[in-house]
Amino acid sequence: MNKKNSFNVSGKIVDLINYRIFPGLVEVINGKITTITETSTCDDQYILPGLIDSHVHIESSMLIPSEFARLAVVHGTVATVSDPHEIANVLGIDGIKYMINNGKKVPFKFYFGASSCVPATPFETSGATLGIKETEELLRNDDIKYLSEMMNFPGVLFKDQEVMAKIALAKKYNKPVDGHAPGVMGEDARNYIEAGISTDHECFTIEEALDKIKWGMKIQIREGSAAKNFEALIDLLHQYPDQVLFCSDDKHPNDLVKGHINQLVKRAIAKGHEPLKVLRSCIVNPIKHYKLDVGLLQKGDDADFIIVNNLIDFNVKATYIKGIMVSENGKTLIKSINESEPNFFNASKITIKDIEVPVERGNIRVIQAFDGQLITKSFLTEPKNEKNLVVSNLENDVLKLIVYNRYQSAKPMVAFINSFNLKSGAMASTVAHDSHNIIAVGTNDNDIITAINLLVEAKGGIAFAEGDNHHLLSLPVAGLMSTADAYQTAEAYEKLDLLVKEKGSTLKSPFMTLSFMALLVIPELKLSDKGLFDGNRFEFTQLFKQN
C-alpha cells in the first residue's frame, strides 16, 4: 500500500459545508489537508469527502473488519458506524474488542457501538449477555461512539428497568442511541423517540418515516442484501435532507464486491435529487450525528476523501483515508493481515429422529417470508403427512425449518416456512440473527441433517447439501466471519448463492433471508432455538392450531 500521504490533487471541489462546487487544488501534508486553493482550471474529476455507512453489521459481510475495509474503500467508503451485536451475541465484550482491535490494523475508520440488546430477547439462547454493568464498561470506552440499536422497543414503551438504565448510561456519556422500531407509529413512536432514541433504519413505508421525523427522529435509508427500503423512502430527501442518512445494515460479501453506499448515491442522483443534498445526507449527517472524526474536505481536516469521474456515473477513481491512498481505479490497496479466530460452538451432530414432527390434529402455522424484507406473515395449511409425520411440501412450497442451539445441548426446534421455493436439497447457516444458532431449511430430512452436521463439523459457516453433493463456506470467527481474502470469500459465497437459486430458490438473497427467520424482534412469526414465536403477541405459540 502507498504510504506516501503528502501530495497535491486537482479537480472540482465538492464543498458540502459551504454548499458549492468549484475548481481547486487540495494540498495534503502528513495526512492532513493544509490548503484548498480555488483555481481557474482543474483536472476533469471531482474531489469530495468519503462516504459513510451510517448503520451496518460488519459481521453480515462474513468478513472480519480488516477484510471488509479492503472491499468498501474501492467504492469510496471511508468509515462505517458499526453495531457489533452479531459477534457480541456469541462472544460478548471480548467479541466487540476483537472487532475494534482488528479494525485498527488497517487504514479505515470503524466506529463501533455498545450493543444494547444481547440477547435480543429472553426467548432465545445466545452465547453471551450484556447487562447494565457491561454496557457501562463499553460506553466509558472512547472507541465506542453510541448505544447500538435499541431493538427492545416494547421495553422502551413499557419502561423496562434495564432498558431505561442502558439509555440513561448513553445520555450520561453523551452518546446517541440508535433505534429499531419497525411499524411503530403514533403515540408509541413519540414515546419511543422521547425516551432518547435518535435514529431508525427499520421504516418500511414513507408514512412511517414521516411520522417518526415529526417527533425529531433521523431516518436511515437502508439498502442491504435482504432488506431494501431505498425506493420507498428516497423521496424523504425532498423535504427532510437533514433528517436522512444512508446505510446498508447487512451486506453479503458478493454484494459488497459490487458496490456500497456509492450505489445509493448514484441511484438518488439519477432520480433527480440534487447531488449536494444527496452527499450531505450520506456524509455530513452521520458525521454530525455520531460526532465522527472523519474529514469533510476542509482545511485542517484529515484527508479522508474520494475522487470520482463525475456526479452522474459516480465511478470512484481513488479513495484516501488520512492521506493514504487505499484504493485506485477499482483496486484495493489495503493488504490482508493474519488474524486470530475466536469462537463459541458446542453443538453435536443430530439425526433424522431429532427433527421428526408427528402429525397432530389441526392445521400447521407456516412462516411466510418476503423477498427483500425482514418482516414475515403467517398462514395456516393442512400438513403433508407421510407415515404419520409432517414433511416438507414442495408442491405448495411449505418447507421444514430448523433452529438448533449451538451453545449447549438441546433438542432442535422445527417449524415450516413458505417462499424459499427449493425443489431439492437443504441449506444451513450459523449466521442466524441475532443469537446465531444453527438455522436450516430444506426439502427433505436427510439433506437437512447433512447440511446441519456439516456446520457442526466446521464449527460454523454456511452450507448446502443434496445427497452426496456437499458445499461449505467455513466461518471460523464466531461462526460468522472468515479471515480469508475478502474476494475469495465473496466468490465462495457467490457460488453457494447461485447453487441455491439453481435448486429453485426465487429469493434475491436466500441465505440472508434465512438468517432473519430467527429474528424474533421483527414480526410476525419466527423460530428460535426454544420454539415457534409470535412476534405480534411477543410470546411462544404452537405449530399446530386445532380446528
Protein backbone atom coordinates (compact mmCIF):
# COMPACT_ATOMS: atom_id res chain seq x y z
CA MET A 1 0.00 0.00 0.00
CA ASN A 2 1.18 3.51 -0.84
CA LYS A 3 2.40 5.02 2.44
CA LYS A 4 3.02 8.48 1.00
CA ASN A 5 0.44 10.90 2.38
CA SER A 6 1.83 14.31 1.37
CA PHE A 7 0.71 15.39 -2.12
CA ASN A 8 -1.48 17.71 -4.20
CA VAL A 9 -4.60 16.79 -6.15
CA SER A 10 -6.57 18.91 -8.59
CA GLY A 11 -10.26 18.71 -9.53
CA LYS A 12 -13.71 20.13 -8.99
CA ILE A 13 -14.01 20.51 -5.23
CA VAL A 14 -17.34 19.39 -3.74
CA ASP A 15 -17.68 21.62 -0.68
CA LEU A 16 -20.54 20.18 1.36
CA ILE A 17 -20.14 22.68 4.19
CA ASN A 18 -20.49 25.79 2.04
CA TYR A 19 -22.75 24.03 -0.48
CA ARG A 20 -20.77 24.76 -3.63
CA ILE A 21 -18.62 23.12 -6.29
CA PHE A 22 -15.55 24.94 -7.64
CA PRO A 23 -12.27 24.16 -9.43
CA GLY A 24 -9.42 23.83 -6.99
CA LEU A 25 -6.23 22.28 -5.67
CA VAL A 26 -6.08 20.28 -2.45
CA GLU A 27 -2.75 20.12 -0.63
CA VAL A 28 -2.18 17.25 1.81
CA ILE A 29 0.76 17.12 4.23
CA ASN A 30 1.18 14.25 6.71
CA GLY A 31 -2.38 13.08 6.23
CA LYS A 32 -4.00 16.49 6.84
CA ILE A 33 -5.50 18.96 4.39
CA THR A 34 -3.33 22.06 4.72
CA THR A 35 -4.79 24.24 1.97
CA ILE A 36 -7.61 24.24 -0.56
CA THR A 37 -6.94 26.77 -3.30
CA GLU A 38 -9.58 27.89 -5.80
CA THR A 39 -8.16 27.85 -9.35
CA SER A 40 -9.33 28.89 -12.80
CA THR A 41 -8.78 25.45 -14.27
CA CYS A 42 -8.55 21.93 -12.84
CA ASP A 43 -8.35 18.27 -13.72
CA ASP A 44 -11.56 16.79 -15.12
CA GLN A 45 -12.62 14.96 -11.96
CA TYR A 46 -14.50 15.61 -8.74
CA ILE A 47 -12.98 15.58 -5.24
CA LEU A 48 -15.39 15.06 -2.35
CA PRO A 49 -15.41 13.75 1.22
CA GLY A 50 -15.53 9.98 1.61
CA LEU A 51 -18.82 8.11 2.00
CA ILE A 52 -20.13 6.72 5.30
CA ASP A 53 -22.37 3.74 6.01
CA SER A 54 -24.42 5.04 8.95
CA HIS A 55 -25.58 1.63 10.20
CA VAL A 56 -24.01 -1.72 9.36
CA HIS A 57 -23.22 -5.03 10.97
CA ILE A 58 -19.76 -5.83 9.64
CA GLU A 59 -20.29 -9.49 10.57
CA SER A 60 -23.03 -9.84 7.96
CA SER A 61 -20.40 -9.41 5.25
CA MET A 62 -18.88 -12.66 6.59
CA LEU A 63 -15.60 -10.72 6.68
CA ILE A 64 -13.59 -9.51 9.63
CA PRO A 65 -13.33 -5.68 9.69
CA SER A 66 -9.91 -5.55 8.04
CA GLU A 67 -11.21 -7.55 5.08
CA PHE A 68 -14.47 -5.56 4.94
CA ALA A 69 -12.38 -2.41 4.61
CA ARG A 70 -10.50 -3.84 1.64
CA LEU A 71 -13.76 -4.11 -0.32
CA ALA A 72 -15.50 -0.98 0.96
CA VAL A 73 -12.76 1.51 0.07
CA VAL A 74 -12.98 0.53 -3.60
CA HIS A 75 -16.48 2.06 -3.59
CA GLY A 76 -15.47 5.28 -1.84
CA THR A 77 -16.45 4.30 1.71
CA VAL A 78 -14.05 5.68 4.31
CA ALA A 79 -16.00 4.98 7.51
CA THR A 80 -18.79 2.89 8.99
CA VAL A 81 -21.00 3.25 12.04
CA SER A 82 -20.96 -0.41 13.05
CA ASP A 83 -23.12 -2.30 15.52
CA PRO A 84 -21.15 -5.41 16.60
CA HIS A 85 -24.14 -7.14 18.17
CA GLU A 86 -23.74 -10.22 15.97
CA ILE A 87 -20.37 -11.17 17.46
CA ALA A 88 -21.47 -9.79 20.86
CA ASN A 89 -24.28 -12.38 20.95
CA VAL A 90 -21.64 -15.09 20.51
CA LEU A 91 -18.60 -13.78 22.41
CA GLY A 92 -19.81 -10.81 24.47
CA ILE A 93 -17.46 -7.91 25.23
CA ASP A 94 -14.47 -9.93 24.04
CA GLY A 95 -16.10 -10.14 20.63
CA ILE A 96 -16.61 -6.37 20.45
CA LYS A 97 -12.99 -5.79 21.48
CA TYR A 98 -11.92 -8.22 18.74
CA MET A 99 -13.74 -6.10 16.15
CA ILE A 100 -12.27 -2.84 17.45
CA ASN A 101 -8.71 -4.18 17.59
CA ASN A 102 -8.86 -5.80 14.17
CA GLY A 103 -10.32 -2.64 12.62
CA LYS A 104 -7.43 -0.58 13.93
CA LYS A 105 -4.94 -2.65 11.94
CA VAL A 106 -5.96 -1.13 8.60
CA PRO A 107 -6.37 2.46 7.33
CA PHE A 108 -10.15 2.70 7.64
CA LYS A 109 -12.42 4.44 10.14
CA PHE A 110 -14.61 1.97 12.01
CA TYR A 111 -16.90 3.42 14.70
CA PHE A 112 -18.41 0.73 16.89
CA GLY A 113 -21.35 0.92 19.27
CA ALA A 114 -22.23 -0.71 22.58
CA SER A 115 -24.73 -3.42 21.70
CA SER A 116 -27.91 -2.71 23.65
CA CYS A 117 -29.81 -5.98 23.24
CA VAL A 118 -27.64 -9.03 23.85
CA PRO A 119 -29.50 -11.29 23.70
CA ALA A 120 -32.19 -9.58 21.65
CA THR A 121 -34.93 -11.30 23.67
CA PRO A 122 -35.17 -13.77 26.57
CA PHE A 123 -36.88 -16.21 24.19
CA GLU A 124 -33.66 -17.50 22.62
CA THR A 125 -30.23 -18.77 23.66
CA SER A 126 -27.18 -16.63 22.95
CA GLY A 127 -23.55 -17.14 23.78
CA ALA A 128 -23.30 -14.06 25.98
CA THR A 129 -25.29 -11.44 27.86
CA LEU A 130 -24.51 -7.73 28.06
CA GLY A 131 -26.19 -6.25 31.11
CA ILE A 132 -26.03 -2.79 32.65
CA LYS A 133 -22.52 -3.32 34.03
CA GLU A 134 -21.11 -4.47 30.68
CA THR A 135 -22.92 -1.67 28.84
CA GLU A 136 -21.33 0.98 31.06
CA GLU A 137 -17.91 -0.60 30.61
CA LEU A 138 -18.36 -0.25 26.86
CA LEU A 139 -19.80 3.27 26.88
CA ARG A 140 -16.89 4.50 29.01
CA ASN A 141 -14.58 3.40 26.20
CA ASP A 142 -13.64 6.21 23.78
CA ASP A 143 -13.70 3.66 20.95
CA ILE A 144 -17.44 3.22 21.49
CA LYS A 145 -19.38 6.04 19.83
CA TYR A 146 -23.03 5.24 20.60
CA LEU A 147 -25.54 2.82 22.11
CA SER A 148 -26.44 0.41 19.32
CA GLU A 149 -29.94 -0.17 18.04
CA MET A 150 -32.50 -0.49 20.82
CA MET A 151 -34.43 -3.44 19.37
CA ASN A 152 -36.41 -3.98 22.53
CA PHE A 153 -38.90 -1.25 21.67
CA PRO A 154 -41.59 -2.83 23.88
CA GLY A 155 -39.09 -2.47 26.75
CA VAL A 156 -38.78 1.24 25.98
CA LEU A 157 -42.53 1.75 25.73
CA PHE A 158 -43.20 -0.11 28.97
CA LYS A 159 -40.16 1.48 30.66
CA ASP A 160 -38.35 -1.77 31.43
CA GLN A 161 -35.83 -1.05 34.18
CA GLU A 162 -32.76 -2.47 32.41
CA VAL A 163 -33.64 -0.93 29.07
CA MET A 164 -34.10 2.52 30.58
CA ALA A 165 -30.88 2.16 32.58
CA LYS A 166 -28.92 1.49 29.37
CA ILE A 167 -30.44 4.54 27.68
CA ALA A 168 -29.60 6.61 30.77
CA LEU A 169 -25.98 5.45 30.55
CA ALA A 170 -25.76 6.60 26.93
CA LYS A 171 -27.05 10.02 27.99
CA LYS A 172 -24.56 10.06 30.88
CA TYR A 173 -21.66 9.56 28.47
CA ASN A 174 -23.20 11.94 25.88
CA LYS A 175 -23.52 9.28 23.22
CA PRO A 176 -26.51 8.90 20.85
CA VAL A 177 -28.89 5.93 20.95
CA ASP A 178 -29.77 4.10 17.77
CA GLY A 179 -33.30 2.82 17.25
CA HIS A 180 -35.04 -0.19 15.78
CA ALA A 181 -38.82 0.07 15.77
CA PRO A 182 -40.43 -1.48 12.69
CA GLY A 183 -44.03 -0.40 12.25
CA VAL A 184 -44.12 1.69 15.43
CA MET A 185 -46.13 4.88 14.79
CA GLY A 186 -48.29 7.46 16.51
CA GLU A 187 -48.02 7.90 20.27
CA ASP A 188 -45.88 4.77 20.57
CA ALA A 189 -43.35 6.29 18.16
CA ARG A 190 -43.44 9.58 20.05
CA ASN A 191 -42.83 7.87 23.40
CA TYR A 192 -40.04 5.72 21.93
CA ILE A 193 -38.29 8.77 20.47
CA GLU A 194 -38.78 10.96 23.53
CA ALA A 195 -37.09 8.28 25.63
CA GLY A 196 -33.90 9.28 23.81
CA ILE A 197 -33.88 7.15 20.64
CA SER A 198 -32.46 9.21 17.77
CA THR A 199 -32.48 7.06 14.59
CA ASP A 200 -34.35 4.25 12.90
CA HIS A 201 -33.34 2.08 9.95
CA GLU A 202 -36.46 -0.13 10.02
CA CYS A 203 -39.05 2.07 8.26
CA PHE A 204 -40.83 0.17 5.51
CA THR A 205 -43.08 2.98 4.27
CA ILE A 206 -42.67 6.71 3.79
CA GLU A 207 -45.72 7.27 6.01
CA GLU A 208 -43.95 5.54 8.89
CA ALA A 209 -40.77 7.53 8.27
CA LEU A 210 -42.67 10.85 8.16
CA ASP A 211 -44.43 10.00 11.40
CA LYS A 212 -41.08 9.42 13.12
CA ILE A 213 -39.46 12.52 11.59
CA LYS A 214 -42.34 14.54 13.04
CA TRP A 215 -41.10 13.67 16.53
CA GLY A 216 -37.48 14.52 15.73
CA MET A 217 -36.04 11.17 14.66
CA LYS A 218 -33.47 10.73 11.90
CA ILE A 219 -34.27 8.10 9.28
CA GLN A 220 -31.58 5.81 7.86
CA ILE A 221 -32.50 4.76 4.33
CA ARG A 222 -31.45 1.11 4.19
CA GLU A 223 -30.49 -0.90 1.16
CA GLY A 224 -28.80 -4.16 2.14
CA SER A 225 -28.65 -7.66 0.73
CA ALA A 226 -32.06 -8.64 2.12
CA ALA A 227 -33.87 -5.56 3.41
CA LYS A 228 -34.32 -2.91 0.74
CA ASN A 229 -36.15 0.32 1.55
CA PHE A 230 -34.48 2.81 -0.83
CA GLU A 231 -37.34 3.05 -3.30
CA ALA A 232 -39.93 3.50 -0.55
CA LEU A 233 -38.02 6.20 1.33
CA ILE A 234 -35.74 8.14 -1.02
CA ASP A 235 -38.27 10.94 -1.60
CA LEU A 236 -37.71 11.99 2.02
CA LEU A 237 -34.73 13.90 0.62
CA HIS A 238 -37.03 16.48 -0.99
CA GLN A 239 -38.19 17.99 2.31
CA TYR A 240 -36.03 16.43 5.02
CA PRO A 241 -32.43 16.19 3.76
CA ASP A 242 -31.01 16.94 7.21
CA GLN A 243 -33.03 14.10 8.77
CA VAL A 244 -31.88 11.41 6.33
CA LEU A 245 -28.82 9.14 6.42
CA PHE A 246 -27.89 6.21 4.17
CA CYS A 247 -26.99 2.71 5.36
CA SER A 248 -26.72 -0.92 4.29
CA ASP A 249 -27.43 -2.63 7.64
CA ASP A 250 -26.48 -6.07 6.30
CA LYS A 251 -24.35 -6.59 3.21
CA HIS A 252 -23.20 -10.01 1.99
CA PRO A 253 -19.67 -10.23 0.57
CA ASN A 254 -20.63 -10.77 -3.08
CA ASP A 255 -22.85 -7.68 -2.94
CA LEU A 256 -20.09 -5.66 -1.26
CA VAL A 257 -17.75 -6.53 -4.13
CA LYS A 258 -20.26 -4.92 -6.49
CA GLY A 259 -20.91 -1.73 -4.53
CA HIS A 260 -21.77 0.00 -1.29
CA ILE A 261 -23.15 3.47 -0.40
CA ASN A 262 -21.91 4.73 -3.79
CA GLN A 263 -24.72 2.75 -5.42
CA LEU A 264 -27.33 4.63 -3.39
CA VAL A 265 -25.74 7.98 -4.22
CA LYS A 266 -25.81 7.19 -7.93
CA ARG A 267 -29.42 5.99 -7.79
CA ALA A 268 -30.60 9.03 -5.83
CA ILE A 269 -28.94 11.45 -8.25
CA ALA A 270 -30.39 9.51 -11.21
CA LYS A 271 -33.85 10.08 -9.69
CA GLY A 272 -33.29 13.82 -9.91
CA HIS A 273 -32.22 14.57 -6.35
CA GLU A 274 -29.69 17.38 -6.05
CA PRO A 275 -26.18 15.87 -5.78
CA LEU A 276 -25.05 18.12 -2.93
CA LYS A 277 -28.19 17.28 -0.95
CA VAL A 278 -27.64 13.54 -1.50
CA LEU A 279 -23.99 13.74 -0.50
CA ARG A 280 -24.69 15.76 2.64
CA SER A 281 -27.13 13.07 3.73
CA CYS A 282 -24.63 10.24 3.46
CA ILE A 283 -21.56 12.18 4.66
CA VAL A 284 -22.28 15.28 6.73
CA ASN A 285 -25.34 13.96 8.55
CA PRO A 286 -23.68 10.85 10.06
CA ILE A 287 -20.53 12.79 10.94
CA LYS A 288 -22.54 15.36 12.87
CA HIS A 289 -24.97 12.92 14.45
CA TYR A 290 -22.36 10.47 15.74
CA LYS A 291 -19.58 13.06 16.27
CA LEU A 292 -17.19 11.21 13.96
CA ASP A 293 -13.66 12.41 13.36
CA VAL A 294 -13.95 11.97 9.59
CA GLY A 295 -12.67 14.71 7.32
CA LEU A 296 -15.14 16.89 5.39
CA LEU A 297 -12.65 18.23 2.84
CA GLN A 298 -11.97 21.37 4.83
CA LYS A 299 -8.64 22.95 5.81
CA GLY A 300 -7.22 21.18 8.87
CA ASP A 301 -9.32 18.03 8.37
CA ASP A 302 -7.98 14.52 7.99
CA ALA A 303 -7.52 13.86 4.29
CA ASP A 304 -10.46 11.47 4.03
CA PHE A 305 -11.72 12.00 0.51
CA ILE A 306 -12.51 10.33 -2.77
CA ILE A 307 -12.06 11.19 -6.42
CA VAL A 308 -14.87 10.35 -8.86
CA ASN A 309 -15.12 10.85 -12.61
CA ASN A 310 -18.38 12.82 -12.35
CA LEU A 311 -21.52 13.08 -10.21
CA ILE A 312 -23.67 11.01 -12.58
CA ASP A 313 -21.70 7.83 -13.27
CA PHE A 314 -20.00 8.27 -9.87
CA ASN A 315 -17.11 5.95 -10.74
CA VAL A 316 -14.63 6.02 -7.86
CA LYS A 317 -11.12 6.64 -9.21
CA ALA A 318 -9.34 6.78 -5.85
CA THR A 319 -10.02 6.73 -2.11
CA TYR A 320 -7.83 8.38 0.54
CA ILE A 321 -8.01 7.94 4.32
CA LYS A 322 -5.75 10.17 6.42
CA GLY A 323 -3.90 10.95 3.21
CA ILE A 324 -3.17 7.32 2.43
CA MET A 325 -4.40 6.11 -0.94
CA VAL A 326 -6.34 2.94 -0.08
CA SER A 327 -7.88 2.23 -3.48
CA GLU A 328 -7.15 3.20 -7.07
CA ASN A 329 -9.13 2.50 -10.23
CA GLY A 330 -11.26 -0.23 -8.70
CA LYS A 331 -8.39 -2.00 -6.93
CA THR A 332 -7.94 -2.16 -3.18
CA LEU A 333 -4.51 -1.17 -1.86
CA ILE A 334 -5.14 -2.47 1.67
CA LYS A 335 -3.31 -5.72 2.36
CA SER A 336 -4.77 -8.73 4.17
CA ILE A 337 -3.50 -9.40 7.69
CA ASN A 338 -3.21 -12.56 9.75
CA GLU A 339 -5.80 -12.65 12.50
CA SER A 340 -6.97 -14.98 15.30
CA GLU A 341 -10.25 -16.92 15.07
CA PRO A 342 -12.19 -16.89 18.37
CA ASN A 343 -15.37 -18.96 18.55
CA PHE A 344 -18.03 -20.45 20.86
CA PHE A 345 -19.52 -23.66 19.50
CA ASN A 346 -20.69 -26.69 21.46
CA ALA A 347 -23.32 -28.34 19.23
CA SER A 348 -23.19 -32.06 18.47
CA LYS A 349 -24.33 -33.86 15.35
CA ILE A 350 -28.01 -34.73 15.13
CA THR A 351 -30.05 -37.46 13.42
CA ILE A 352 -33.30 -37.56 11.46
CA LYS A 353 -35.16 -38.65 14.59
CA ASP A 354 -34.25 -35.31 16.18
CA ILE A 355 -36.21 -33.30 13.61
CA GLU A 356 -39.24 -35.55 13.00
CA VAL A 357 -42.66 -33.97 13.61
CA PRO A 358 -45.52 -36.38 14.46
CA VAL A 359 -48.87 -35.42 12.97
CA GLU A 360 -51.38 -33.86 15.36
CA ARG A 361 -54.95 -32.70 14.89
CA GLY A 362 -55.48 -29.44 13.02
CA ASN A 363 -53.50 -27.31 10.58
CA ILE A 364 -49.94 -26.06 10.95
CA ARG A 365 -48.80 -22.45 11.24
CA VAL A 366 -46.47 -21.54 8.37
CA ILE A 367 -43.99 -18.65 8.33
CA GLN A 368 -44.36 -16.61 5.15
CA ALA A 369 -41.10 -14.88 4.21
CA PHE A 370 -40.88 -11.94 1.81
CA ASP A 371 -38.11 -11.13 -0.62
CA GLY A 372 -36.21 -8.03 0.47
CA GLN A 373 -37.96 -7.77 3.85
CA LEU A 374 -37.24 -8.86 7.42
CA ILE A 375 -40.90 -8.98 8.38
CA THR A 376 -42.90 -12.17 7.88
CA LYS A 377 -46.56 -13.07 7.80
CA SER A 378 -48.14 -16.42 8.65
CA PHE A 379 -50.89 -18.68 7.38
CA LEU A 380 -52.48 -22.00 8.24
CA THR A 381 -52.32 -25.03 5.98
CA GLU A 382 -53.00 -28.74 6.10
CA PRO A 383 -49.76 -30.59 6.85
CA LYS A 384 -48.31 -33.05 4.35
CA ASN A 385 -48.42 -36.44 6.04
CA GLU A 386 -46.00 -39.28 5.31
CA LYS A 387 -46.04 -42.26 7.66
CA ASN A 388 -47.79 -40.10 10.27
CA LEU A 389 -45.01 -37.49 10.14
CA VAL A 390 -45.23 -33.91 8.85
CA VAL A 391 -42.79 -33.42 5.96
CA SER A 392 -41.86 -30.67 3.53
CA ASN A 393 -44.49 -30.00 0.89
CA LEU A 394 -42.62 -28.99 -2.28
CA GLU A 395 -45.79 -28.56 -4.33
CA ASN A 396 -47.06 -25.82 -2.02
CA ASP A 397 -43.60 -24.50 -1.06
CA VAL A 398 -44.01 -25.36 2.62
CA LEU A 399 -40.55 -26.47 3.71
CA LYS A 400 -39.21 -27.68 7.03
CA LEU A 401 -37.29 -25.06 9.03
CA ILE A 402 -34.90 -25.93 11.88
CA VAL A 403 -33.20 -23.85 14.56
CA TYR A 404 -30.64 -25.76 16.64
CA ASN A 405 -28.86 -24.43 19.74
CA ARG A 406 -25.13 -24.21 19.11
CA TYR A 407 -24.08 -23.23 22.63
CA GLN A 408 -25.42 -26.11 24.73
CA SER A 409 -27.10 -29.48 24.37
CA ALA A 410 -30.75 -29.06 23.32
CA LYS A 411 -33.36 -30.52 21.02
CA PRO A 412 -33.69 -28.85 17.59
CA MET A 413 -36.84 -26.76 17.11
CA VAL A 414 -38.93 -27.34 13.98
CA ALA A 415 -41.34 -25.14 12.04
CA PHE A 416 -42.41 -24.74 8.41
CA ILE A 417 -41.79 -21.87 6.01
CA ASN A 418 -43.04 -20.59 2.68
CA SER A 419 -41.25 -18.56 -0.06
CA PHE A 420 -37.89 -20.35 -0.36
CA ASN A 421 -39.12 -22.47 -3.30
CA LEU A 422 -36.31 -25.01 -3.04
CA LYS A 423 -37.02 -28.03 -5.22
CA SER A 424 -34.19 -30.20 -3.88
CA GLY A 425 -31.55 -30.18 -1.15
CA ALA A 426 -31.17 -28.15 2.03
CA MET A 427 -29.32 -25.03 3.14
CA ALA A 428 -27.99 -24.23 6.61
CA SER A 429 -26.16 -21.40 8.34
CA THR A 430 -24.71 -20.31 11.68
CA VAL A 431 -25.49 -16.73 10.67
CA ALA A 432 -28.94 -16.54 12.29
CA HIS A 433 -29.84 -13.19 13.77
CA ASP A 434 -29.41 -12.35 16.49
CA SER A 435 -28.23 -15.25 18.65
CA HIS A 436 -26.63 -17.13 15.76
CA ASN A 437 -27.75 -20.63 16.47
CA ILE A 438 -27.83 -23.05 13.54
CA ILE A 439 -30.70 -22.43 11.13
CA ALA A 440 -31.63 -24.67 8.21
CA VAL A 441 -34.37 -25.10 5.62
CA GLY A 442 -34.78 -27.98 3.23
CA THR A 443 -36.86 -30.24 1.07
CA ASN A 444 -36.17 -33.46 2.97
CA ASP A 445 -34.86 -34.59 6.34
CA ASN A 446 -31.76 -36.38 5.04
CA ASP A 447 -30.36 -33.28 3.37
CA ILE A 448 -31.34 -31.02 6.28
CA ILE A 449 -29.43 -33.25 8.70
CA THR A 450 -26.42 -33.38 6.39
CA ALA A 451 -26.29 -29.59 6.00
CA ILE A 452 -26.57 -29.04 9.76
CA ASN A 453 -23.89 -31.62 10.53
CA LEU A 454 -21.53 -30.02 8.00
CA LEU A 455 -21.73 -26.88 10.15
CA VAL A 456 -21.25 -28.85 13.35
CA GLU A 457 -18.04 -30.35 11.95
CA ALA A 458 -16.77 -26.96 10.77
CA LYS A 459 -17.96 -25.15 13.93
CA GLY A 460 -19.66 -22.51 11.83
CA GLY A 461 -20.38 -21.42 8.29
CA ILE A 462 -22.98 -21.74 5.57
CA ALA A 463 -23.70 -24.99 3.75
CA PHE A 464 -25.79 -26.70 1.10
CA ALA A 465 -26.40 -30.44 0.84
CA GLU A 466 -28.12 -32.55 -1.77
CA GLY A 467 -27.47 -36.27 -1.43
CA ASP A 468 -23.71 -36.78 -1.72
CA ASN A 469 -23.26 -33.26 -3.08
CA HIS A 470 -21.94 -31.11 -0.18
CA HIS A 471 -20.85 -27.46 -0.21
CA LEU A 472 -19.44 -25.49 2.72
CA LEU A 473 -18.11 -21.99 3.34
CA SER A 474 -16.36 -22.12 6.71
CA LEU A 475 -16.77 -19.10 9.03
CA PRO A 476 -14.36 -19.80 11.89
CA VAL A 477 -14.64 -16.41 13.67
CA ALA A 478 -17.66 -16.84 15.96
CA GLY A 479 -19.34 -18.86 13.23
CA LEU A 480 -19.92 -15.52 11.49
CA MET A 481 -16.80 -14.40 9.66
CA SER A 482 -13.86 -15.64 7.66
CA THR A 483 -10.29 -14.40 7.97
CA ALA A 484 -9.60 -15.38 4.36
CA ASP A 485 -9.11 -12.94 1.50
CA ALA A 486 -12.32 -10.93 1.03
CA TYR A 487 -12.54 -11.59 -2.69
CA GLN A 488 -12.11 -15.33 -2.19
CA THR A 489 -14.82 -15.34 0.49
CA ALA A 490 -17.11 -13.36 -1.80
CA GLU A 491 -16.52 -15.80 -4.65
CA ALA A 492 -17.20 -18.84 -2.44
CA TYR A 493 -20.39 -17.24 -1.14
CA GLU A 494 -21.49 -16.31 -4.67
CA LYS A 495 -21.16 -19.95 -5.75
CA LEU A 496 -23.30 -21.13 -2.84
CA ASP A 497 -25.86 -18.42 -3.51
CA LEU A 498 -26.12 -19.36 -7.19
CA LEU A 499 -26.33 -23.06 -6.33
CA VAL A 500 -29.32 -22.50 -4.05
CA LYS A 501 -31.01 -20.49 -6.81
CA GLU A 502 -30.30 -23.25 -9.31
CA LYS A 503 -32.12 -25.60 -6.92
CA GLY A 504 -35.23 -23.46 -7.18
CA SER A 505 -34.98 -20.57 -4.71
CA THR A 506 -36.52 -17.42 -6.13
CA LEU A 507 -35.21 -15.15 -3.37
CA LYS A 508 -32.66 -12.49 -4.32
CA SER A 509 -30.55 -13.37 -1.26
CA PRO A 510 -31.72 -16.73 0.13
CA PHE A 511 -29.02 -17.14 2.80
CA MET A 512 -29.58 -13.59 4.05
CA THR A 513 -33.34 -14.12 4.20
CA LEU A 514 -32.82 -17.42 6.04
CA SER A 515 -30.61 -15.66 8.60
CA PHE A 516 -33.52 -13.41 9.64
CA MET A 517 -36.05 -16.19 10.19
CA ALA A 518 -34.86 -16.48 13.79
CA LEU A 519 -35.00 -12.71 14.44
CA LEU A 520 -37.79 -12.56 16.99
CA VAL A 521 -37.91 -8.77 17.33
CA ILE A 522 -39.23 -8.46 13.77
CA PRO A 523 -42.87 -9.67 13.47
CA GLU A 524 -44.84 -11.71 12.62
CA LEU A 525 -43.86 -15.36 13.06
CA LYS A 526 -40.29 -16.58 13.64
CA LEU A 527 -38.48 -19.63 15.05
CA SER A 528 -35.90 -19.62 17.85
CA ASP A 529 -33.94 -22.44 19.43
CA LYS A 530 -36.66 -22.52 22.10
CA GLY A 531 -39.69 -22.69 19.82
CA LEU A 532 -42.09 -21.01 17.40
CA PHE A 533 -42.55 -17.35 18.30
CA ASP A 534 -45.44 -14.95 17.70
CA GLY A 535 -43.79 -11.55 17.23
CA ASN A 536 -47.05 -9.65 17.49
CA ARG A 537 -48.01 -11.12 20.86
CA PHE A 538 -44.33 -11.44 21.86
CA GLU A 539 -44.83 -14.98 23.13
CA PHE A 540 -44.35 -18.57 22.03
CA THR A 541 -47.05 -20.28 20.01
CA GLN A 542 -47.74 -23.83 18.85
CA LEU A 543 -47.01 -25.33 15.45
CA PHE A 544 -50.45 -26.96 15.27
CA LYS A 545 -53.66 -24.96 15.52
CA GLN A 546 -56.62 -27.21 16.21
CA ASN A 547 -59.74 -26.54 14.18
